[in-house]
C-alpha atoms as a PDB file:
ATOM      1  CA  MET A   1      27.490  49.310-118.071  1.00  0.00           C
ATOM      2  CA  ILE A   2      27.087  52.504-116.076  1.00  0.00           C
ATOM      3  CA  ILE A   3      28.691  52.574-112.647  1.00  0.00           C
ATOM      4  CA  ARG A   4      28.170  55.290-110.025  1.00  0.00           C
ATOM      5  CA  ILE A   5      30.727  55.972-107.367  1.00  0.00           C
ATOM      6  CA  MET A   6      28.782  57.542-104.521  1.00  0.00           C
ATOM      7  CA  GLY A   7      29.743  61.143-104.180  1.00  0.00           C
ATOM      8  CA  GLU A   8      32.026  61.114-107.173  1.00  0.00           C
ATOM      9  CA  GLY A   9      29.965  60.668-110.303  1.00  0.00           C
ATOM     10  CA  GLN A  10      29.217  58.120-113.013  1.00  0.00           C
ATOM     11  CA  TYR A  11      31.442  56.060-115.335  1.00  0.00           C
ATOM     12  CA  ARG A  12      30.807  53.999-118.431  1.00  0.00           C
ATOM     13  CA  ALA A  13      32.631  50.664-118.123  1.00  0.00           C
ATOM     14  CA  PRO A  14      33.383  48.251-120.963  1.00  0.00           C
ATOM     15  CA  GLU A  15      32.518  44.570-120.495  1.00  0.00           C
ATOM     16  CA  ALA A  16      36.227  43.565-119.966  1.00  0.00           C
ATOM     17  CA  LEU A  17      36.397  45.985-117.095  1.00  0.00           C
ATOM     18  CA  CYS A  18      33.218  44.640-115.514  1.00  0.00           C
ATOM     19  CA  ASP A  19      34.763  41.225-115.369  1.00  0.00           C
ATOM     20  CA  GLU A  20      37.801  42.526-113.640  1.00  0.00           C
ATOM     21  CA  LEU A  21      35.667  44.525-111.180  1.00  0.00           C
ATOM     22  CA  ASN A  22      33.596  41.462-110.404  1.00  0.00           C
ATOM     23  CA  GLN A  23      36.778  39.648-109.354  1.00  0.00           C
ATOM     24  CA  ILE A  24      37.722  42.523-106.959  1.00  0.00           C
ATOM     25  CA  ASP A  25      34.121  42.602-105.693  1.00  0.00           C
ATOM     26  CA  ASN A  26      34.176  38.856-104.941  1.00  0.00           C
ATOM     27  CA  LYS A  27      37.441  39.301-103.074  1.00  0.00           C
ATOM     28  CA  ILE A  28      35.942  42.131-101.020  1.00  0.00           C
ATOM     29  CA  VAL A  29      32.969  39.929-100.072  1.00  0.00           C
ATOM     30  CA  ALA A  30      35.352  37.238 -98.869  1.00  0.00           C
ATOM     31  CA  LEU A  31      37.502  39.677 -96.873  1.00  0.00           C
ATOM     32  CA  VAL A  32      34.399  41.187 -95.225  1.00  0.00           C
ATOM     33  CA  ALA A  33      33.130  37.642 -94.381  1.00  0.00           C
ATOM     34  CA  GLU A  34      36.602  36.944 -92.817  1.00  0.00           C
ATOM     35  CA  GLY A  35      36.580  40.117 -90.835  1.00  0.00           C
ATOM     36  CA  ASN A  36      39.718  41.397 -92.568  1.00  0.00           C
ATOM     37  CA  ALA A  37      39.148  45.189 -92.391  1.00  0.00           C
ATOM     38  CA  GLU A  38      42.678  46.190 -93.517  1.00  0.00           C
ATOM     39  CA  GLU A  39      42.632  44.201 -96.725  1.00  0.00           C
ATOM     40  CA  PHE A  40      38.992  45.201 -97.315  1.00  0.00           C
ATOM     41  CA  ARG A  41      40.030  48.820 -97.381  1.00  0.00           C
ATOM     42  CA  THR A  42      42.874  48.098 -99.847  1.00  0.00           C
ATOM     43  CA  GLU A  43      40.587  46.232-102.225  1.00  0.00           C
ATOM     44  CA  LEU A  44      37.843  48.889-102.072  1.00  0.00           C
ATOM     45  CA  VAL A  45      40.375  51.554-103.008  1.00  0.00           C
ATOM     46  CA  LYS A  46      41.542  49.320-105.835  1.00  0.00           C
ATOM     47  CA  LEU A  47      38.021  48.795-107.057  1.00  0.00           C
ATOM     48  CA  ILE A  48      37.293  52.536-107.203  1.00  0.00           C
ATOM     49  CA  SER A  49      40.698  53.292-108.796  1.00  0.00           C
ATOM     50  CA  GLU A  50      40.089  50.744-111.507  1.00  0.00           C
ATOM     51  CA  ILE A  51      36.771  52.362-112.320  1.00  0.00           C
ATOM     52  CA  LYS A  52      38.216  55.851-112.502  1.00  0.00           C
ATOM     53  CA  GLU A  53      41.279  54.733-114.517  1.00  0.00           C
ATOM     54  CA  LYS A  54      39.693  52.433-117.027  1.00  0.00           C
ATOM     55  CA  GLY A  55      36.135  53.719-117.195  1.00  0.00           C
ATOM     56  CA  GLU A  56      34.911  56.654-119.152  1.00  0.00           C
ATOM     57  CA  ALA A  57      33.732  59.502-116.944  1.00  0.00           C
ATOM     58  CA  ILE A  58      30.171  60.699-117.718  1.00  0.00           C
ATOM     59  CA  GLY A  59      29.500  64.379-117.480  1.00  0.00           C
ATOM     60  CA  ALA A  60      27.216  65.732-114.808  1.00  0.00           C
ATOM     61  CA  GLU A  61      24.900  67.101-117.513  1.00  0.00           C
ATOM     62  CA  GLU A  62      24.141  63.636-118.734  1.00  0.00           C
ATOM     63  CA  ILE A  63      21.629  61.771-116.479  1.00  0.00           C
ATOM     64  CA  LEU A  64      21.767  57.993-116.769  1.00  0.00           C
ATOM     65  CA  GLU A  65      20.455  55.201-114.600  1.00  0.00           C
ATOM     66  CA  SER A  66      23.288  53.374-112.842  1.00  0.00           C
ATOM     67  CA  ASP A  67      23.668  49.627-113.247  1.00  0.00           C
ATOM     68  CA  ILE A  68      25.960  49.427-110.206  1.00  0.00           C
ATOM     69  CA  ILE A  69      26.437  51.749-107.243  1.00  0.00           C
ATOM     70  CA  VAL A  70      29.839  51.610-105.615  1.00  0.00           C
ATOM     71  CA  PRO A  71      30.137  52.935-102.074  1.00  0.00           C
ATOM     72  CA  PRO A  72      32.695  55.709-101.340  1.00  0.00           C
ATOM     73  CA  GLU A  73      36.281  54.932-100.192  1.00  0.00           C
ATOM     74  CA  ASP A  74      35.472  56.087 -96.697  1.00  0.00           C
ATOM     75  CA  LEU A  75      32.837  53.333 -96.228  1.00  0.00           C
ATOM     76  CA  SER A  76      33.252  51.895 -92.744  1.00  0.00           C
ATOM     77  CA  PHE A  77      33.870  48.177 -92.221  1.00  0.00           C
ATOM     78  CA  GLU A  78      30.590  47.971 -90.340  1.00  0.00           C
ATOM     79  CA  GLU A  79      28.718  49.502 -93.285  1.00  0.00           C
ATOM     80  CA  ALA A  80      30.561  47.091 -95.688  1.00  0.00           C
ATOM     81  CA  LYS A  81      29.156  44.132 -93.774  1.00  0.00           C
ATOM     82  CA  ALA A  82      25.688  45.060 -94.978  1.00  0.00           C
ATOM     83  CA  ILE A  83      26.719  45.810 -98.479  1.00  0.00           C
ATOM     84  CA  PHE A  84      29.337  43.268 -99.499  1.00  0.00           C
ATOM     85  CA  THR A  85      27.424  40.014 -98.897  1.00  0.00           C
ATOM     86  CA  GLY A  86      26.324  37.140-101.160  1.00  0.00           C
ATOM     87  CA  ALA A  87      27.213  38.097-104.756  1.00  0.00           C
ATOM     88  CA  GLY A  88      28.439  41.531-103.672  1.00  0.00           C
ATOM     89  CA  ILE A  89      27.640  44.729-105.576  1.00  0.00           C
ATOM     90  CA  ILE A  90      28.424  43.215-108.988  1.00  0.00           C
ATOM     91  CA  GLU A  91      26.382  40.167-109.820  1.00  0.00           C
ATOM     92  CA  ASP A  92      27.859  37.503-111.955  1.00  0.00           C
END
């Protein structure tokens, strides 16, 4: 699976990582629904860190279509309300 972190580039993620990311994504959806901005920020940073640490960075010269687009760490809580709804950014 190809994941783009907005403003930071693309990463190739193995299936096992996708399952882990889906769990974090689901938690973010719940936190946004609860209005918990502080924990939302912590989990968003965790999501992005996991992608960077466990995914394989794709060079800028390689152009691939992204399966998932992850918002940047500085996403506001108000913006998150429009993005992290329903199944979130990673569908089961």
